[in-house]
């Protein structure tokens, strides 16, 4: 069989030819990947927003309490979710999740910058190829330690191990690629990357990627990660308590003495 049509020596991009890298606000009309953290509250219908767990009270203030004179639970069940008393554990979970989300928001610009750089590298070899984000950063279940799960789509016709091997060779020697590990024989072949990006304090930060391949015509049918994004988002909309519970469990399991697969 003929080898896949990738260039033996990909042309160097301006980023890799000694020119200054694009600014963190880099926005190219050819950028095919966009990093969107699905934080709670965005584009929600009012019925969903009302069911969300209330924010923690300010320090020194008591949690909201319910009394029969304020509302009738039988007449307005949604108001009970806001006015009913909550245990101290509830407020601890809320503060923990809020802190998690704030750290994730602070990292968003660095992660988008790294994603733009990787997408630029991919297009230098395969102009029609795209990177699609899935996993925890696409569903809003990400933590500060979450890596970025991306699927390579619209690549040349070849097997997933072949494409990842070519991408691994392409990225070798790139100054912003600190580490690249190819796992071609895994159940889902992936390329694990660590991308260096400039941080606001003048230092360099590492952004982790797991790159897989979507080889089929239909992304929803041929890549389970891409196909799972919509059902997970729907479940999070229907069950507001699912997101904080999942984030707390992810942090807890991250410190457990046994291995687990991070979503």
C-alpha atoms as a PDB file:
ATOM      1  CA  UNK A   1       0.000   0.000   0.000  1.00  0.00           C
ATOM      2  CA  UNK A   2       1.162   3.513  -0.747  1.00  0.00           C
ATOM      3  CA  UNK A   3       2.363   5.517   2.276  1.00  0.00           C
ATOM      4  CA  UNK A   4       0.125   8.296   3.541  1.00  0.00           C
ATOM      5  CA  UNK A   5       0.697  11.632   1.768  1.00  0.00           C
ATOM      6  CA  UNK A   6       2.508  13.559   4.473  1.00  0.00           C
ATOM      7  CA  UNK A   7       5.627  15.549   3.594  1.00  0.00           C
ATOM      8  CA  UNK A   8       8.983  13.973   4.397  1.00  0.00           C
ATOM      9  CA  UNK A   9      10.260  17.349   5.580  1.00  0.00           C
ATOM     10  CA  UNK A  10       7.396  19.681   6.524  1.00  0.00           C
ATOM     11  CA  UNK A  11       7.983  23.364   5.822  1.00  0.00           C
ATOM     12  CA  UNK A  12       8.975  25.407   8.851  1.00  0.00           C
ATOM     13  CA  UNK A  13       6.315  27.785  10.060  1.00  0.00           C
ATOM     14  CA  UNK A  14       7.126  31.381  11.123  1.00  0.00           C
ATOM     15  CA  UNK A  15       6.787  30.253  14.736  1.00  0.00           C
ATOM     16  CA  UNK A  16       9.522  27.702  14.235  1.00  0.00           C
ATOM     17  CA  UNK A  17      11.787  29.786  11.990  1.00  0.00           C
ATOM     18  CA  UNK A  18      13.023  32.109  14.703  1.00  0.00           C
ATOM     19  CA  UNK A  19      10.172  34.617  14.533  1.00  0.00           C
ATOM     20  CA  UNK A  20       8.364  35.662  17.681  1.00  0.00           C
ATOM     21  CA  UNK A  21       5.550  33.260  18.603  1.00  0.00           C
ATOM     22  CA  UNK A  22       1.973  34.444  18.241  1.00  0.00           C
ATOM     23  CA  UNK A  23       0.559  36.385  21.136  1.00  0.00           C
ATOM     24  CA  UNK A  24      -1.681  34.569  23.630  1.00  0.00           C
ATOM     25  CA  UNK A  25      -4.616  36.302  21.972  1.00  0.00           C
ATOM     26  CA  UNK A  26      -3.592  34.698  18.646  1.00  0.00           C
ATOM     27  CA  UNK A  27      -6.589  34.281  16.414  1.00  0.00           C
ATOM     28  CA  UNK A  28      -6.106  32.969  12.898  1.00  0.00           C
ATOM     29  CA  UNK A  29      -8.851  32.530  10.302  1.00  0.00           C
ATOM     30  CA  UNK A  30      -7.384  29.056   9.773  1.00  0.00           C
ATOM     31  CA  UNK A  31      -7.572  27.988  13.400  1.00  0.00           C
ATOM     32  CA  UNK A  32      -9.687  24.829  13.456  1.00  0.00           C
ATOM     33  CA  UNK A  33      -9.658  24.151  17.181  1.00  0.00           C
ATOM     34  CA  UNK A  34     -11.239  26.197  19.905  1.00  0.00           C
ATOM     35  CA  UNK A  35     -10.896  25.459  23.570  1.00  0.00           C
ATOM     36  CA  UNK A  36     -14.176  26.007  25.382  1.00  0.00           C
ATOM     37  CA  UNK A  37     -14.552  25.112  29.046  1.00  0.00           C
ATOM     38  CA  UNK A  38     -18.245  24.514  29.573  1.00  0.00           C
ATOM     39  CA  UNK A  39     -18.561  26.334  32.883  1.00  0.00           C
ATOM     40  CA  UNK A  40     -21.927  26.258  34.643  1.00  0.00           C
ATOM     41  CA  UNK A  41     -24.454  28.952  33.932  1.00  0.00           C
ATOM     42  CA  UNK A  42     -23.583  29.578  30.273  1.00  0.00           C
ATOM     43  CA  UNK A  43     -26.486  29.357  27.822  1.00  0.00           C
ATOM     44  CA  UNK A  44     -28.771  27.637  30.304  1.00  0.00           C
ATOM     45  CA  UNK A  45     -32.546  27.822  30.207  1.00  0.00           C
ATOM     46  CA  UNK A  46     -34.019  29.461  33.340  1.00  0.00           C
ATOM     47  CA  UNK A  47     -35.465  26.136  34.517  1.00  0.00           C
ATOM     48  CA  UNK A  48     -31.962  24.654  34.679  1.00  0.00           C
ATOM     49  CA  UNK A  49     -30.349  27.729  36.206  1.00  0.00           C
ATOM     50  CA  UNK A  50     -32.912  27.786  39.013  1.00  0.00           C
ATOM     51  CA  UNK A  51     -32.113  24.197  39.931  1.00  0.00           C
ATOM     52  CA  UNK A  52     -28.390  24.843  40.301  1.00  0.00           C
ATOM     53  CA  UNK A  53     -26.983  24.607  43.781  1.00  0.00           C
ATOM     54  CA  UNK A  54     -26.785  28.097  45.343  1.00  0.00           C
ATOM     55  CA  UNK A  55     -23.432  29.788  45.835  1.00  0.00           C
ATOM     56  CA  UNK A  56     -21.819  29.688  49.239  1.00  0.00           C
ATOM     57  CA  UNK A  57     -22.793  32.543  51.561  1.00  0.00           C
ATOM     58  CA  UNK A  58     -20.314  35.256  52.351  1.00  0.00           C
ATOM     59  CA  UNK A  59     -18.038  34.556  55.358  1.00  0.00           C
ATOM     60  CA  UNK A  60     -19.839  35.246  58.612  1.00  0.00           C
ATOM     61  CA  UNK A  61     -23.301  34.910  57.081  1.00  0.00           C
ATOM     62  CA  UNK A  62     -25.570  31.972  57.755  1.00  0.00           C
ATOM     63  CA  UNK A  63     -26.718  29.761  54.935  1.00  0.00           C
ATOM     64  CA  UNK A  64     -30.195  30.626  53.599  1.00  0.00           C
ATOM     65  CA  UNK A  65     -32.997  28.965  55.512  1.00  0.00           C
ATOM     66  CA  UNK A  66     -36.532  28.046  54.568  1.00  0.00           C
ATOM     67  CA  UNK A  67     -39.637  28.911  56.516  1.00  0.00           C
ATOM     68  CA  UNK A  68     -43.214  28.346  55.626  1.00  0.00           C
ATOM     69  CA  UNK A  69     -43.935  32.081  55.655  1.00  0.00           C
ATOM     70  CA  UNK A  70     -41.437  32.751  52.817  1.00  0.00           C
ATOM     71  CA  UNK A  71     -42.781  30.292  50.264  1.00  0.00           C
ATOM     72  CA  UNK A  72     -45.038  27.313  49.904  1.00  0.00           C
ATOM     73  CA  UNK A  73     -42.998  24.235  48.907  1.00  0.00           C
ATOM     74  CA  UNK A  74     -46.065  22.537  47.458  1.00  0.00           C
ATOM     75  CA  UNK A  75     -46.763  25.532  45.243  1.00  0.00           C
ATOM     76  CA  UNK A  76     -43.166  26.243  44.149  1.00  0.00           C
ATOM     77  CA  UNK A  77     -40.859  23.235  44.262  1.00  0.00           C
ATOM     78  CA  UNK A  78     -38.020  25.101  42.517  1.00  0.00           C
ATOM     79  CA  UNK A  79     -37.828  27.687  45.313  1.00  0.00           C
ATOM     80  CA  UNK A  80     -37.184  24.924  47.815  1.00  0.00           C
ATOM     81  CA  UNK A  81     -33.879  24.118  46.073  1.00  0.00           C
ATOM     82  CA  UNK A  82     -32.699  27.664  46.794  1.00  0.00           C
ATOM     83  CA  UNK A  83     -34.271  28.297  50.202  1.00  0.00           C
ATOM     84  CA  UNK A  84     -33.842  24.923  51.886  1.00  0.00           C
ATOM     85  CA  UNK A  85     -31.047  24.760  54.476  1.00  0.00           C
ATOM     86  CA  UNK A  86     -27.815  23.038  53.496  1.00  0.00           C
ATOM     87  CA  UNK A  87     -25.273  21.230  55.597  1.00  0.00           C
ATOM     88  CA  UNK A  88     -21.739  22.566  56.157  1.00  0.00           C
ATOM     89  CA  UNK A  89     -20.556  19.865  53.742  1.00  0.00           C
ATOM     90  CA  UNK A  90     -22.689  21.434  50.997  1.00  0.00           C
ATOM     91  CA  UNK A  91     -20.965  24.800  51.401  1.00  0.00           C
ATOM     92  CA  UNK A  92     -17.536  23.183  51.566  1.00  0.00           C
ATOM     93  CA  UNK A  93     -18.220  21.427  48.263  1.00  0.00           C
ATOM     94  CA  UNK A  94     -19.474  24.655  46.683  1.00  0.00           C
ATOM     95  CA  UNK A  95     -16.395  26.603  47.790  1.00  0.00           C
ATOM     96  CA  UNK A  96     -14.139  23.787  46.576  1.00  0.00           C
ATOM     97  CA  UNK A  97     -15.781  23.690  43.132  1.00  0.00           C
ATOM     98  CA  UNK A  98     -15.719  27.496  42.857  1.00  0.00           C
ATOM     99  CA  UNK A  99     -11.990  27.477  43.619  1.00  0.00           C
ATOM    100  CA  UNK A 100     -11.467  24.734  41.024  1.00  0.00           C
ATOM    101  CA  UNK A 101     -13.339  26.729  38.396  1.00  0.00           C
ATOM    102  CA  UNK A 102     -11.379  29.904  39.133  1.00  0.00           C
ATOM    103  CA  UNK A 103      -8.058  28.097  38.637  1.00  0.00           C
ATOM    104  CA  UNK A 104      -9.320  26.554  35.400  1.00  0.00           C
ATOM    105  CA  UNK A 105     -10.385  29.989  34.115  1.00  0.00           C
ATOM    106  CA  UNK A 106      -6.918  31.379  34.849  1.00  0.00           C
ATOM    107  CA  UNK A 107      -5.393  28.583  32.749  1.00  0.00           C
ATOM    108  CA  UNK A 108      -7.761  28.996  29.811  1.00  0.00           C
ATOM    109  CA  UNK A 109      -5.592  31.461  27.887  1.00  0.00           C
ATOM    110  CA  UNK A 110      -2.464  29.301  28.205  1.00  0.00           C
ATOM    111  CA  UNK A 111      -4.360  26.214  27.116  1.00  0.00           C
ATOM    112  CA  UNK A 112      -5.854  27.986  24.114  1.00  0.00           C
ATOM    113  CA  UNK A 113      -2.402  29.282  23.160  1.00  0.00           C
ATOM    114  CA  UNK A 114      -0.935  25.765  23.311  1.00  0.00           C
ATOM    115  CA  UNK A 115      -3.865  24.406  21.297  1.00  0.00           C
ATOM    116  CA  UNK A 116      -3.337  27.054  18.610  1.00  0.00           C
ATOM    117  CA  UNK A 117       0.349  26.143  18.371  1.00  0.00           C
ATOM    118  CA  UNK A 118      -0.408  22.430  18.015  1.00  0.00           C
ATOM    119  CA  UNK A 119      -3.120  23.091  15.426  1.00  0.00           C
ATOM    120  CA  UNK A 120      -0.623  25.230  13.491  1.00  0.00           C
ATOM    121  CA  UNK A 121       1.890  22.358  13.529  1.00  0.00           C
ATOM    122  CA  UNK A 122      -0.728  19.905  12.265  1.00  0.00           C
ATOM    123  CA  UNK A 123      -1.807  22.200   9.416  1.00  0.00           C
ATOM    124  CA  UNK A 124       1.804  22.682   8.329  1.00  0.00           C
ATOM    125  CA  UNK A 125       1.778  19.008   7.311  1.00  0.00           C
ATOM    126  CA  UNK A 126      -1.903  18.422   6.502  1.00  0.00           C
ATOM    127  CA  UNK A 127      -3.691  21.678   5.563  1.00  0.00           C
ATOM    128  CA  UNK A 128      -7.161  20.118   5.764  1.00  0.00           C
ATOM    129  CA  UNK A 129      -6.677  18.436   9.144  1.00  0.00           C
ATOM    130  CA  UNK A 130      -8.417  19.718  12.265  1.00  0.00           C
ATOM    131  CA  UNK A 131      -8.184  19.188  16.016  1.00  0.00           C
ATOM    132  CA  UNK A 132     -11.440  18.654  17.928  1.00  0.00           C
ATOM    133  CA  UNK A 133     -11.479  18.982  21.712  1.00  0.00           C
ATOM    134  CA  UNK A 134     -13.368  16.399  23.762  1.00  0.00           C
ATOM    135  CA  UNK A 135     -13.168  15.052  27.295  1.00  0.00           C
ATOM    136  CA  UNK A 136     -13.340  17.078  30.491  1.00  0.00           C
ATOM    137  CA  UNK A 137     -12.499  20.435  28.887  1.00  0.00           C
ATOM    138  CA  UNK A 138     -15.351  20.038  26.425  1.00  0.00           C
ATOM    139  CA  UNK A 139     -17.884  19.008  29.070  1.00  0.00           C
ATOM    140  CA  UNK A 140     -16.892  21.391  31.880  1.00  0.00           C
ATOM    141  CA  UNK A 141     -15.591  18.671  34.209  1.00  0.00           C
ATOM    142  CA  UNK A 142     -11.981  19.810  34.002  1.00  0.00           C
ATOM    143  CA  UNK A 143      -9.629  20.450  36.895  1.00  0.00           C
ATOM    144  CA  UNK A 144      -6.380  22.455  36.892  1.00  0.00           C
ATOM    145  CA  UNK A 145      -4.440  19.215  36.336  1.00  0.00           C
ATOM    146  CA  UNK A 146      -6.597  17.989  33.434  1.00  0.00           C
ATOM    147  CA  UNK A 147      -4.872  17.421  30.133  1.00  0.00           C
ATOM    148  CA  UNK A 148      -6.413  18.425  26.805  1.00  0.00           C
ATOM    149  CA  UNK A 149      -7.986  15.562  24.874  1.00  0.00           C
ATOM    150  CA  UNK A 150      -8.011  16.271  21.140  1.00  0.00           C
ATOM    151  CA  UNK A 151      -8.973  14.155  18.155  1.00  0.00           C
ATOM    152  CA  UNK A 152      -7.261  14.543  14.796  1.00  0.00           C
ATOM    153  CA  UNK A 153      -9.895  14.675  12.045  1.00  0.00           C
ATOM    154  CA  UNK A 154      -9.748  15.132   8.263  1.00  0.00           C
ATOM    155  CA  UNK A 155      -6.240  13.674   8.166  1.00  0.00           C
ATOM    156  CA  UNK A 156      -4.822  11.747   5.174  1.00  0.00           C
ATOM    157  CA  UNK A 157      -6.169   8.198   4.721  1.00  0.00           C
ATOM    158  CA  UNK A 158      -4.038   6.015   6.969  1.00  0.00           C
ATOM    159  CA  UNK A 159      -4.352   4.005  10.157  1.00  0.00           C
ATOM    160  CA  UNK A 160      -4.324   5.759  13.525  1.00  0.00           C
ATOM    161  CA  UNK A 161      -0.854   4.409  14.471  1.00  0.00           C
ATOM    162  CA  UNK A 162       0.565   5.575  11.126  1.00  0.00           C
ATOM    163  CA  UNK A 163      -0.855   9.063  11.499  1.00  0.00           C
ATOM    164  CA  UNK A 164       0.343   9.407  15.087  1.00  0.00           C
ATOM    165  CA  UNK A 165       3.793   8.131  14.099  1.00  0.00           C
ATOM    166  CA  UNK A 166       3.955  10.783  11.380  1.00  0.00           C
ATOM    167  CA  UNK A 167       2.792  13.476  13.815  1.00  0.00           C
ATOM    168  CA  UNK A 168       5.362  12.326  16.358  1.00  0.00           C
ATOM    169  CA  UNK A 169       8.116  12.655  13.721  1.00  0.00           C
ATOM    170  CA  UNK A 170       6.769  16.053  12.684  1.00  0.00           C
ATOM    171  CA  UNK A 171       6.955  17.447  16.215  1.00  0.00           C
ATOM    172  CA  UNK A 172      10.428  16.114  16.985  1.00  0.00           C
ATOM    173  CA  UNK A 173      12.821  19.013  17.502  1.00  0.00           C
ATOM    174  CA  UNK A 174      10.137  21.682  17.751  1.00  0.00           C
ATOM    175  CA  UNK A 175      11.275  24.113  20.455  1.00  0.00           C
ATOM    176  CA  UNK A 176       7.858  24.273  22.105  1.00  0.00           C
ATOM    177  CA  UNK A 177       7.471  20.463  22.368  1.00  0.00           C
ATOM    178  CA  UNK A 178       9.034  19.460  25.681  1.00  0.00           C
ATOM    179  CA  UNK A 179       7.966  15.812  25.560  1.00  0.00           C
ATOM    180  CA  UNK A 180       6.296  13.448  23.105  1.00  0.00           C
ATOM    181  CA  UNK A 181       5.389   9.832  23.868  1.00  0.00           C
ATOM    182  CA  UNK A 182       3.750   7.611  21.281  1.00  0.00           C
ATOM    183  CA  UNK A 183       1.492   4.762  22.429  1.00  0.00           C
ATOM    184  CA  UNK A 184       0.607   3.101  19.109  1.00  0.00           C
ATOM    185  CA  UNK A 185      -0.440  -0.273  20.540  1.00  0.00           C
ATOM    186  CA  UNK A 186      -2.879   0.990  23.179  1.00  0.00           C
ATOM    187  CA  UNK A 187      -6.541   0.090  22.791  1.00  0.00           C
ATOM    188  CA  UNK A 188      -6.966   3.663  21.562  1.00  0.00           C
ATOM    189  CA  UNK A 189      -3.619   4.754  20.071  1.00  0.00           C
ATOM    190  CA  UNK A 190      -2.582   8.155  21.410  1.00  0.00           C
ATOM    191  CA  UNK A 191       0.289  10.600  21.289  1.00  0.00           C
ATOM    192  CA  UNK A 192       0.992  12.213  24.676  1.00  0.00           C
ATOM    193  CA  UNK A 193       2.505  15.704  24.431  1.00  0.00           C
ATOM    194  CA  UNK A 194       3.805  18.406  26.739  1.00  0.00           C
ATOM    195  CA  UNK A 195       3.731  21.824  25.066  1.00  0.00           C
ATOM    196  CA  UNK A 196       5.711  24.794  26.408  1.00  0.00           C
ATOM    197  CA  UNK A 197       3.886  28.127  26.452  1.00  0.00           C
ATOM    198  CA  UNK A 198       4.932  31.521  27.870  1.00  0.00           C
ATOM    199  CA  UNK A 199       3.144  32.392  31.093  1.00  0.00           C
ATOM    200  CA  UNK A 200       2.229  35.869  32.284  1.00  0.00           C
ATOM    201  CA  UNK A 201       5.020  35.911  34.883  1.00  0.00           C
ATOM    202  CA  UNK A 202       7.676  35.445  32.207  1.00  0.00           C
ATOM    203  CA  UNK A 203       8.229  31.768  32.927  1.00  0.00           C
ATOM    204  CA  UNK A 204       7.265  28.806  30.769  1.00  0.00           C
ATOM    205  CA  UNK A 205       4.268  26.613  31.537  1.00  0.00           C
ATOM    206  CA  UNK A 206       3.598  23.041  30.421  1.00  0.00           C
ATOM    207  CA  UNK A 207       0.278  22.060  28.850  1.00  0.00           C
ATOM    208  CA  UNK A 208      -0.460  18.334  28.501  1.00  0.00           C
ATOM    209  CA  UNK A 209      -2.210  16.858  25.462  1.00  0.00           C
ATOM    210  CA  UNK A 210      -3.555  13.418  24.564  1.00  0.00           C
ATOM    211  CA  UNK A 211      -3.908  13.240  20.779  1.00  0.00           C
ATOM    212  CA  UNK A 212      -6.013  10.491  19.214  1.00  0.00           C
ATOM    213  CA  UNK A 213      -7.295   9.978  15.678  1.00  0.00           C
ATOM    214  CA  UNK A 214     -10.805  10.030  14.293  1.00  0.00           C
ATOM    215  CA  UNK A 215     -10.438   7.855  11.202  1.00  0.00           C
ATOM    216  CA  UNK A 216     -14.078   7.370  10.196  1.00  0.00           C
ATOM    217  CA  UNK A 217     -16.399   9.444   8.055  1.00  0.00           C
ATOM    218  CA  UNK A 218     -18.787  10.174  10.934  1.00  0.00           C
ATOM    219  CA  UNK A 219     -16.996  11.594  13.984  1.00  0.00           C
ATOM    220  CA  UNK A 220     -19.852  10.699  16.322  1.00  0.00           C
ATOM    221  CA  UNK A 221     -19.751   7.049  15.237  1.00  0.00           C
ATOM    222  CA  UNK A 222     -16.010   6.459  14.866  1.00  0.00           C
ATOM    223  CA  UNK A 223     -14.663   8.262  17.948  1.00  0.00           C
ATOM    224  CA  UNK A 224     -16.204   7.460  21.326  1.00  0.00           C
ATOM    225  CA  UNK A 225     -14.672  10.511  22.997  1.00  0.00           C
ATOM    226  CA  UNK A 226     -16.242  12.940  20.538  1.00  0.00           C
ATOM    227  CA  UNK A 227     -19.532  11.041  20.643  1.00  0.00           C
ATOM    228  CA  UNK A 228     -19.721  11.207  24.452  1.00  0.00           C
ATOM    229  CA  UNK A 229     -19.550  15.007  24.748  1.00  0.00           C
ATOM    230  CA  UNK A 230     -23.219  15.704  23.964  1.00  0.00           C
ATOM    231  CA  UNK A 231     -24.669  13.005  26.293  1.00  0.00           C
ATOM    232  CA  UNK A 232     -22.443  14.140  29.173  1.00  0.00           C
ATOM    233  CA  UNK A 233     -23.466  17.770  28.710  1.00  0.00           C
ATOM    234  CA  UNK A 234     -27.121  16.704  28.643  1.00  0.00           C
ATOM    235  CA  UNK A 235     -26.705  14.736  31.877  1.00  0.00           C
ATOM    236  CA  UNK A 236     -25.047  17.712  33.570  1.00  0.00           C
ATOM    237  CA  UNK A 237     -27.929  19.961  32.544  1.00  0.00           C
ATOM    238  CA  UNK A 238     -30.495  17.495  33.848  1.00  0.00           C
ATOM    239  CA  UNK A 239     -28.668  16.717  37.115  1.00  0.00           C
ATOM    240  CA  UNK A 240     -27.106  19.932  38.483  1.00  0.00           C
ATOM    241  CA  UNK A 241     -25.491  18.147  41.438  1.00  0.00           C
ATOM    242  CA  UNK A 242     -23.605  15.788  39.111  1.00  0.00           C
ATOM    243  CA  UNK A 243     -20.906  18.290  38.203  1.00  0.00           C
ATOM    244  CA  UNK A 244     -19.741  19.267  41.718  1.00  0.00           C
ATOM    245  CA  UNK A 245     -19.873  15.616  42.789  1.00  0.00           C
ATOM    246  CA  UNK A 246     -17.742  14.564  39.802  1.00  0.00           C
ATOM    247  CA  UNK A 247     -15.157  17.301  40.353  1.00  0.00           C
ATOM    248  CA  UNK A 248     -14.774  16.439  44.032  1.00  0.00           C
ATOM    249  CA  UNK A 249     -14.405  12.737  43.207  1.00  0.00           C
ATOM    250  CA  UNK A 250     -11.783  13.478  40.540  1.00  0.00           C
ATOM    251  CA  UNK A 251      -9.668  15.433  43.014  1.00  0.00           C
ATOM    252  CA  UNK A 252     -10.119  12.738  45.648  1.00  0.00           C
ATOM    253  CA  UNK A 253      -9.134   9.922  43.294  1.00  0.00           C
ATOM    254  CA  UNK A 254      -6.140  11.886  42.040  1.00  0.00           C
ATOM    255  CA  UNK A 255      -4.595  11.433  45.492  1.00  0.00           C
ATOM    256  CA  UNK A 256      -5.632   7.801  45.885  1.00  0.00           C
ATOM    257  CA  UNK A 257      -2.884   5.148  46.047  1.00  0.00           C
ATOM    258  CA  UNK A 258      -4.231   3.347  42.966  1.00  0.00           C
ATOM    259  CA  UNK A 259      -4.429   4.291  39.329  1.00  0.00           C
ATOM    260  CA  UNK A 260      -7.578   5.509  37.661  1.00  0.00           C
ATOM    261  CA  UNK A 261      -8.537   6.962  34.312  1.00  0.00           C
ATOM    262  CA  UNK A 262      -9.198  10.688  34.464  1.00  0.00           C
ATOM    263  CA  UNK A 263     -12.231  11.877  32.485  1.00  0.00           C
END
